[in-house]
Amino acid sequence: MAKKAVATFSAKAGAKTMVKCIRMDKSSKTGAYMFTEQLVEADKVKDFFAKK
């Protein structure tokens, strides 16, 4: 299960809306879960969550 937290930034001219995405990944070595956080553009959120 992944969650998306929306972050707000001051929008400058030409700046795109950014969101903070947090994805939970399972380690293949240990089986433990780790969290991957990244700021991505709003229109590329589905690409971030599609990655494994």
N, C-alpha and C. Protein backbone atom coordinates (compact mmCIF):
# COMPACT_ATOMS: atom_id res chain seq x y z
N MET A 1 0.85 -1.16 0.00
CA MET A 1 0.00 0.00 0.00
C MET A 1 0.89 1.23 0.00
N ALA A 2 0.59 2.17 -0.84
CA ALA A 2 1.38 3.38 -0.93
C ALA A 2 0.51 4.58 -0.60
N LYS A 3 1.13 5.61 -0.09
CA LYS A 3 0.37 6.80 0.20
C LYS A 3 1.04 7.99 -0.47
N LYS A 4 0.26 8.99 -0.76
CA LYS A 4 0.75 10.18 -1.41
C LYS A 4 0.45 11.38 -0.53
N ALA A 5 1.47 12.10 -0.15
CA ALA A 5 1.30 13.30 0.66
C ALA A 5 1.54 14.51 -0.25
N VAL A 6 0.63 15.44 -0.24
CA VAL A 6 0.73 16.60 -1.10
C VAL A 6 1.53 17.69 -0.40
N ALA A 7 2.56 18.18 -1.07
CA ALA A 7 3.38 19.25 -0.53
C ALA A 7 3.10 20.52 -1.33
N THR A 8 3.07 21.65 -0.65
CA THR A 8 2.83 22.90 -1.35
C THR A 8 4.12 23.70 -1.42
N PHE A 9 4.33 24.33 -2.54
CA PHE A 9 5.50 25.17 -2.78
C PHE A 9 5.04 26.49 -3.35
N SER A 10 5.86 27.51 -3.20
CA SER A 10 5.52 28.77 -3.83
C SER A 10 5.73 28.63 -5.33
N ALA A 11 4.70 28.89 -6.09
CA ALA A 11 4.75 28.69 -7.54
C ALA A 11 5.39 29.90 -8.21
N LYS A 12 6.53 29.67 -8.81
CA LYS A 12 7.18 30.71 -9.59
C LYS A 12 6.70 30.59 -11.03
N ALA A 13 7.06 31.50 -11.86
CA ALA A 13 6.66 31.46 -13.26
C ALA A 13 7.24 30.22 -13.92
N GLY A 14 6.38 29.38 -14.46
CA GLY A 14 6.82 28.17 -15.12
C GLY A 14 7.07 27.00 -14.20
N ALA A 15 6.87 27.16 -12.91
CA ALA A 15 7.10 26.06 -11.96
C ALA A 15 5.94 25.08 -12.03
N LYS A 16 6.24 23.80 -11.90
CA LYS A 16 5.20 22.78 -11.94
C LYS A 16 4.83 22.37 -10.52
N THR A 17 3.66 21.81 -10.37
CA THR A 17 3.20 21.36 -9.07
C THR A 17 3.93 20.09 -8.70
N MET A 18 4.51 20.07 -7.50
CA MET A 18 5.28 18.92 -7.03
C MET A 18 4.51 18.26 -5.90
N VAL A 19 4.59 16.94 -5.84
CA VAL A 19 3.99 16.18 -4.75
C VAL A 19 5.03 15.25 -4.17
N LYS A 20 4.91 14.96 -2.88
CA LYS A 20 5.83 14.04 -2.22
C LYS A 20 5.17 12.68 -2.20
N CYS A 21 5.82 11.70 -2.81
CA CYS A 21 5.28 10.34 -2.89
C CYS A 21 6.10 9.42 -2.01
N ILE A 22 5.43 8.54 -1.30
CA ILE A 22 6.09 7.57 -0.42
C ILE A 22 5.61 6.19 -0.83
N ARG A 23 6.56 5.34 -1.21
CA ARG A 23 6.24 3.98 -1.65
C ARG A 23 6.92 2.98 -0.72
N MET A 24 6.22 1.91 -0.37
CA MET A 24 6.77 0.88 0.48
C MET A 24 7.26 -0.26 -0.40
N ASP A 25 8.54 -0.61 -0.30
CA ASP A 25 9.15 -1.68 -1.08
C ASP A 25 9.64 -2.77 -0.15
N LYS A 26 9.57 -4.00 -0.61
CA LYS A 26 10.06 -5.13 0.17
C LYS A 26 11.44 -5.52 -0.34
N SER A 27 12.40 -5.64 0.56
CA SER A 27 13.77 -6.01 0.20
C SER A 27 13.81 -7.47 -0.22
N SER A 28 14.50 -7.74 -1.33
CA SER A 28 14.60 -9.13 -1.78
C SER A 28 15.58 -9.93 -0.93
N LYS A 29 16.55 -9.27 -0.30
CA LYS A 29 17.55 -9.97 0.53
C LYS A 29 16.98 -10.37 1.89
N THR A 30 16.47 -9.38 2.62
CA THR A 30 16.07 -9.61 4.01
C THR A 30 14.57 -9.81 4.19
N GLY A 31 13.79 -9.38 3.24
CA GLY A 31 12.34 -9.47 3.39
C GLY A 31 11.75 -8.32 4.18
N ALA A 32 12.60 -7.40 4.63
CA ALA A 32 12.13 -6.25 5.40
C ALA A 32 11.55 -5.19 4.44
N TYR A 33 10.68 -4.37 4.97
CA TYR A 33 10.09 -3.30 4.16
C TYR A 33 10.89 -2.02 4.36
N MET A 34 11.04 -1.26 3.28
CA MET A 34 11.70 0.04 3.34
C MET A 34 10.84 1.03 2.56
N PHE A 35 10.96 2.27 2.94
CA PHE A 35 10.15 3.32 2.33
C PHE A 35 10.99 4.17 1.41
N THR A 36 10.47 4.41 0.20
CA THR A 36 11.13 5.25 -0.79
C THR A 36 10.33 6.54 -0.91
N GLU A 37 10.98 7.67 -0.62
CA GLU A 37 10.32 8.97 -0.70
C GLU A 37 10.95 9.77 -1.82
N GLN A 38 10.12 10.49 -2.56
CA GLN A 38 10.64 11.31 -3.65
C GLN A 38 9.65 12.42 -3.98
N LEU A 39 10.17 13.58 -4.34
CA LEU A 39 9.34 14.67 -4.84
C LEU A 39 9.25 14.53 -6.35
N VAL A 40 8.06 14.40 -6.87
CA VAL A 40 7.86 14.25 -8.31
C VAL A 40 6.81 15.25 -8.78
N GLU A 41 6.80 15.49 -10.08
CA GLU A 41 5.79 16.37 -10.65
C GLU A 41 4.44 15.66 -10.59
N ALA A 42 3.38 16.44 -10.49
CA ALA A 42 2.05 15.88 -10.29
C ALA A 42 1.62 14.96 -11.42
N ASP A 43 2.07 15.24 -12.64
CA ASP A 43 1.64 14.41 -13.77
C ASP A 43 2.47 13.13 -13.91
N LYS A 44 3.52 12.95 -13.11
CA LYS A 44 4.36 11.75 -13.19
C LYS A 44 4.23 10.84 -11.98
N VAL A 45 3.16 11.03 -11.21
CA VAL A 45 2.96 10.24 -9.99
C VAL A 45 2.70 8.77 -10.33
N LYS A 46 1.91 8.50 -11.35
CA LYS A 46 1.60 7.12 -11.71
C LYS A 46 2.87 6.38 -12.15
N ASP A 47 3.79 7.07 -12.81
CA ASP A 47 5.06 6.44 -13.22
C ASP A 47 5.89 6.06 -12.01
N PHE A 48 5.88 6.92 -10.98
CA PHE A 48 6.63 6.63 -9.76
C PHE A 48 6.12 5.36 -9.07
N PHE A 49 4.78 5.24 -8.96
CA PHE A 49 4.22 4.09 -8.28
C PHE A 49 4.25 2.83 -9.14
N ALA A 50 4.40 2.97 -10.45
CA ALA A 50 4.47 1.81 -11.33
C ALA A 50 5.83 1.12 -11.25
N LYS A 51 6.88 1.85 -10.84
CA LYS A 51 8.22 1.27 -10.72
C LYS A 51 8.25 0.25 -9.60
N LYS A 52 9.10 -0.75 -9.75
CA LYS A 52 9.28 -1.75 -8.69
C LYS A 52 10.72 -1.78 -8.27
